Amino acid sequence: MMNRLVRWAPITVEQVRTKCRALGMHPHGVDTIVGFLKRQKEGRRFNVQSSYRAF
């Protein structure tokens, strides 16, 4: 998602939520993925936590 934002532009949050549920993901995981997409749609950046930046 963070490397290919253009690919995610036409995809809605509800489509992602539906697909994740269909794949059997845990509700917390679904909320996490949907939250990332919502933030991206709002124009916000995806920032990795500082502890992982130098990994």
Protein backbone atom coordinates (compact mmCIF):
# COMPACT_ATOMS: atom_id res chain seq x y z
CA MET A 1 0.00 0.00 0.00
CA MET A 2 2.71 2.49 0.85
CA ASN A 3 4.72 1.78 -2.33
CA ARG A 4 1.85 1.75 -4.86
CA LEU A 5 -0.70 4.33 -3.72
CA VAL A 6 -2.06 4.72 -7.25
CA ARG A 7 -3.25 1.10 -7.24
CA TRP A 8 -5.30 1.72 -4.11
CA ALA A 9 -6.98 4.92 -5.36
CA PRO A 10 -10.05 3.26 -6.96
CA ILE A 11 -10.58 0.80 -4.09
CA THR A 12 -13.08 1.78 -1.40
CA VAL A 13 -12.77 1.16 2.31
CA GLU A 14 -15.87 -1.05 2.24
CA GLN A 15 -14.40 -3.22 -0.52
CA VAL A 16 -11.32 -3.83 1.61
CA ARG A 17 -13.40 -4.54 4.71
CA THR A 18 -15.57 -7.04 2.79
CA LYS A 19 -12.58 -8.82 1.23
CA CYS A 20 -10.73 -9.09 4.55
CA ARG A 21 -13.81 -10.57 6.22
CA ALA A 22 -14.26 -13.01 3.31
CA LEU A 23 -10.65 -14.14 3.82
CA GLY A 24 -11.43 -14.88 7.47
CA MET A 25 -9.25 -12.22 9.04
CA HIS A 26 -9.62 -11.42 12.73
CA PRO A 27 -11.81 -8.32 13.31
CA HIS A 28 -8.90 -6.43 14.90
CA GLY A 29 -6.76 -7.10 11.80
CA VAL A 30 -9.56 -5.93 9.52
CA ASP A 31 -9.87 -2.70 11.49
CA THR A 32 -6.11 -2.14 11.26
CA ILE A 33 -5.97 -2.57 7.48
CA VAL A 34 -9.09 -0.47 6.95
CA GLY A 35 -7.64 2.23 9.21
CA PHE A 36 -4.49 2.39 7.07
CA LEU A 37 -6.57 2.78 3.92
CA LYS A 38 -8.82 5.44 5.48
CA ARG A 39 -5.78 7.46 6.50
CA GLN A 40 -4.32 7.16 3.00
CA LYS A 41 -7.63 8.29 1.45
CA GLU A 42 -7.60 11.32 3.76
CA GLY A 43 -4.21 12.28 2.36
CA ARG A 44 -2.24 11.31 5.43
CA ARG A 45 1.11 9.55 5.20
CA PHE A 46 1.94 6.07 6.41
CA ASN A 47 4.72 6.43 8.97
CA VAL A 48 6.57 3.43 10.30
CA GLN A 49 7.21 3.48 14.03
CA SER A 50 10.65 4.86 14.85
CA SER A 51 11.88 1.53 16.24
CA TYR A 52 11.55 -0.06 12.77
CA ARG A 53 13.09 2.71 10.66
CA ALA A 54 16.66 1.46 10.98
CA PHE A 55 15.77 -2.22 10.65
